[in-house]
Amino acid sequence: MVRRRPTSLLGTLALALVATVQPAAAFTEKGHSGTYYVPQVTDEPSKPGVGCIYNNNAGTSNDTLKRLKVREFFTHSPYHTKSYVGFRVTILRNGSPYTTTPMVKRRANDEEVAFFKASWLKPAGLSGTFQAIIKLTFYNPQGVAKGTYKGRMDVYKQNLGASGWVNGDAGEPSDYTDTAMPGSCYAKYLNPV
């Protein structure tokens, strides 16, 4: 005979409180279709999904964006047999699509993962704010595209040369406190306040 201990009301309330206070992930799904698998993306304040790397023009206010880097993440394939997963990043400039990286394909299945990361070099003189949208295309074992998954990276971290990585405060490029206003990389470095 198995004895069951009744749960106390206080214990149940404490568990419910812990479950509701946890921070939400910042990565925002933007759509999916067909047969797909949800990727394991790290995009949170302790591990931002995108790094904004700036040229450090010491002594000037012209520290300009050099590169945008999407942190490595992984995904399974929705199939038991190994099949391809395609990955690309669309760079948004001032909220509109600007460019898309070439597709990279890796093999995965429902047990083994494929790892992806990306880097985009900003053309000199290009102004604006930049964000990253990832898109995965899932192929069946016969090589036919059967599904897609798209999501926006929302937490950005700035790297200004030798000064290292910094997070911005609310309203700064790497702001992650307001999910209605996700972070971005600015063409010119803004000092966190």
Protein backbone atom coordinates (compact mmCIF):
# COMPACT_ATOMS: atom_id res chain seq x y z
CA MET A 1 0.00 0.00 0.00
CA VAL A 2 1.30 3.43 -0.95
CA ARG A 3 0.74 6.20 1.55
CA ARG A 4 0.10 9.65 0.18
CA ARG A 5 0.68 12.73 2.22
CA PRO A 6 -1.88 15.50 1.69
CA THR A 7 -0.45 18.68 0.25
CA SER A 8 -0.74 21.68 2.49
CA LEU A 9 -2.43 24.80 1.18
CA LEU A 10 0.63 26.88 2.10
CA GLY A 11 2.92 24.55 0.15
CA THR A 12 0.64 24.69 -2.89
CA LEU A 13 0.56 28.51 -2.78
CA ALA A 14 4.36 28.71 -2.43
CA LEU A 15 4.79 26.41 -5.44
CA ALA A 16 2.32 28.46 -7.49
CA LEU A 17 4.13 31.68 -6.58
CA VAL A 18 7.51 30.27 -7.64
CA ALA A 19 6.02 29.04 -10.90
CA THR A 20 4.59 32.47 -11.77
CA VAL A 21 7.54 34.66 -10.73
CA GLN A 22 10.14 33.07 -13.01
CA PRO A 23 11.37 35.40 -15.76
CA ALA A 24 10.13 34.75 -19.27
CA ALA A 25 12.57 33.95 -22.02
CA ALA A 26 13.23 36.91 -24.26
CA PHE A 27 13.40 35.01 -27.58
CA THR A 28 10.13 35.70 -29.44
CA GLU A 29 8.63 33.13 -31.79
CA LYS A 30 7.47 34.86 -34.97
CA GLY A 31 5.77 31.93 -36.68
CA HIS A 32 6.00 28.33 -37.83
CA SER A 33 4.49 26.09 -40.46
CA GLY A 34 4.38 22.43 -41.48
CA THR A 35 6.54 19.88 -39.67
CA TYR A 36 9.07 21.64 -37.45
CA TYR A 37 10.94 21.43 -34.14
CA VAL A 38 11.26 24.30 -31.64
CA PRO A 39 14.98 25.20 -31.31
CA GLN A 40 16.80 25.58 -27.99
CA VAL A 41 17.78 29.26 -28.14
CA THR A 42 19.51 31.04 -25.26
CA ASP A 43 18.41 34.68 -25.31
CA GLU A 44 18.17 36.03 -21.78
CA PRO A 45 19.81 38.73 -19.64
CA SER A 46 22.52 36.39 -18.32
CA LYS A 47 23.28 35.06 -21.84
CA PRO A 48 22.18 37.48 -24.56
CA GLY A 49 21.34 35.95 -27.92
CA VAL A 50 23.17 38.60 -29.95
CA GLY A 51 26.49 40.39 -29.49
CA CYS A 52 27.01 43.86 -30.97
CA ILE A 53 30.75 44.26 -31.63
CA TYR A 54 31.98 47.82 -32.09
CA ASN A 55 35.18 49.30 -33.49
CA ASN A 56 36.80 51.13 -30.58
CA ASN A 57 37.94 54.46 -32.00
CA ALA A 58 39.56 55.61 -28.77
CA GLY A 59 39.07 59.23 -27.76
CA THR A 60 36.25 59.83 -30.24
CA SER A 61 32.49 59.47 -30.26
CA ASN A 62 32.72 57.44 -33.46
CA ASP A 63 32.66 53.91 -32.08
CA THR A 64 30.82 52.19 -34.93
CA LEU A 65 29.16 48.81 -35.22
CA LYS A 66 31.45 46.31 -36.89
CA ARG A 67 29.68 42.99 -36.53
CA LEU A 68 26.50 41.41 -35.18
CA LYS A 69 26.95 37.85 -33.81
CA VAL A 70 24.13 35.39 -33.08
CA ARG A 71 24.99 33.10 -30.15
CA GLU A 72 25.23 29.40 -30.90
CA PHE A 73 22.01 27.44 -30.40
CA PHE A 74 20.79 23.99 -31.34
CA THR A 75 17.78 22.16 -32.66
CA HIS A 76 16.62 18.64 -33.34
CA SER A 77 14.95 17.54 -36.55
CA PRO A 78 11.34 16.37 -36.23
CA TYR A 79 12.27 13.07 -37.95
CA HIS A 80 13.78 9.87 -36.54
CA THR A 81 16.01 9.44 -39.61
CA LYS A 82 18.76 12.06 -39.99
CA SER A 83 17.67 14.92 -42.24
CA TYR A 84 18.77 18.44 -43.02
CA VAL A 85 17.88 21.56 -41.09
CA GLY A 86 18.58 24.83 -42.89
CA PHE A 87 19.43 28.02 -40.98
CA ARG A 88 19.65 31.65 -42.01
CA VAL A 89 19.45 35.04 -40.33
CA THR A 90 17.49 38.01 -41.63
CA ILE A 91 18.98 41.30 -40.46
CA LEU A 92 16.38 43.98 -39.84
CA ARG A 93 17.45 47.59 -40.33
CA ASN A 94 15.18 50.09 -38.57
CA GLY A 95 12.55 47.34 -38.29
CA SER A 96 12.50 46.31 -41.97
CA PRO A 97 14.32 43.39 -43.63
CA TYR A 98 17.71 44.54 -44.91
CA THR A 99 19.63 41.38 -45.81
CA THR A 100 19.59 37.63 -45.27
CA THR A 101 22.62 35.45 -44.68
CA PRO A 102 23.23 32.45 -46.92
CA MET A 103 21.56 29.22 -45.77
CA VAL A 104 23.67 26.79 -43.77
CA LYS A 105 22.48 23.17 -43.57
CA ARG A 106 23.28 20.63 -40.86
CA ARG A 107 21.97 17.13 -40.27
CA ALA A 108 19.96 16.20 -37.17
CA ASN A 109 17.21 13.85 -36.05
CA ASP A 110 14.89 13.49 -33.06
CA GLU A 111 17.83 12.38 -30.86
CA GLU A 112 20.89 14.17 -32.29
CA VAL A 113 21.08 17.96 -32.60
CA ALA A 114 22.47 20.40 -35.13
CA PHE A 115 24.32 23.50 -33.87
CA PHE A 116 24.06 26.90 -35.56
CA LYS A 117 25.51 30.37 -35.09
CA ALA A 118 25.94 33.36 -37.38
CA SER A 119 27.88 36.55 -37.85
CA TRP A 120 27.06 39.55 -40.04
CA LEU A 121 29.59 42.23 -40.97
CA LYS A 122 27.94 45.66 -41.22
CA PRO A 123 28.90 47.62 -44.35
CA ALA A 124 30.89 50.78 -43.57
CA GLY A 125 28.79 53.93 -43.32
CA LEU A 126 25.47 52.13 -42.91
CA SER A 127 23.36 53.79 -40.18
CA GLY A 128 20.35 52.62 -38.22
CA THR A 129 19.40 50.00 -35.65
CA PHE A 130 19.79 46.30 -36.38
CA GLN A 131 18.03 43.16 -35.13
CA ALA A 132 18.33 39.46 -35.94
CA ILE A 133 15.52 37.12 -37.00
CA ILE A 134 16.44 33.44 -37.24
CA LYS A 135 14.70 31.13 -39.68
CA LEU A 136 14.97 27.36 -39.71
CA THR A 137 13.81 25.17 -42.59
CA PHE A 138 13.18 21.49 -41.83
CA TYR A 139 13.68 18.94 -44.60
CA ASN A 140 12.34 15.38 -44.56
CA PRO A 141 14.83 12.49 -45.06
CA GLN A 142 14.18 12.67 -48.84
CA GLY A 143 15.40 16.29 -48.88
CA VAL A 144 12.03 18.02 -49.35
CA ALA A 145 11.35 21.14 -47.24
CA LYS A 146 8.40 20.31 -44.96
CA GLY A 147 8.38 23.02 -42.31
CA THR A 148 9.75 26.32 -41.03
CA TYR A 149 10.26 28.05 -37.70
CA LYS A 150 11.05 31.75 -37.25
CA GLY A 151 11.97 33.78 -34.16
CA ARG A 152 13.38 37.16 -33.10
CA MET A 153 16.42 37.53 -30.88
CA ASP A 154 15.51 40.10 -28.20
CA VAL A 155 18.51 40.40 -25.84
CA TYR A 156 21.59 42.20 -27.17
CA LYS A 157 24.96 42.80 -25.55
CA GLN A 158 27.51 45.39 -26.60
CA ASN A 159 31.27 44.87 -26.89
CA LEU A 160 33.37 47.99 -27.24
CA GLY A 161 36.89 46.81 -28.01
CA ALA A 162 38.98 46.19 -24.90
CA SER A 163 36.28 47.43 -22.51
CA GLY A 164 34.47 44.09 -22.76
CA TRP A 165 30.80 43.16 -22.79
CA VAL A 166 28.23 45.48 -21.26
CA ASN A 167 24.46 45.36 -20.96
CA GLY A 168 22.52 48.55 -21.38
CA ASP A 169 19.91 49.95 -19.06
CA ALA A 170 16.27 50.45 -20.06
CA GLY A 171 16.09 52.27 -23.37
CA GLU A 172 19.62 51.28 -24.36
CA PRO A 173 20.51 49.05 -27.34
CA SER A 174 20.58 45.89 -25.24
CA ASP A 175 17.44 46.68 -23.26
CA TYR A 176 15.70 43.48 -22.28
CA THR A 177 13.35 44.87 -19.65
CA ASP A 178 10.50 45.61 -22.06
CA THR A 179 9.61 42.75 -24.39
CA ALA A 180 7.38 45.09 -26.39
CA MET A 181 10.58 46.94 -27.30
CA PRO A 182 13.27 44.31 -27.92
CA GLY A 183 16.94 45.21 -27.96
CA SER A 184 19.04 45.97 -31.04
CA CYS A 185 22.51 46.95 -32.20
CA TYR A 186 22.96 50.64 -32.99
CA ALA A 187 25.23 51.78 -35.82
CA LYS A 188 27.04 54.01 -33.29
CA TYR A 189 27.89 52.83 -29.79
CA LEU A 190 25.74 54.30 -27.02
CA ASN A 191 27.26 54.35 -23.56
CA PRO A 192 25.08 52.54 -21.01
CA VAL A 193 23.79 54.94 -18.34
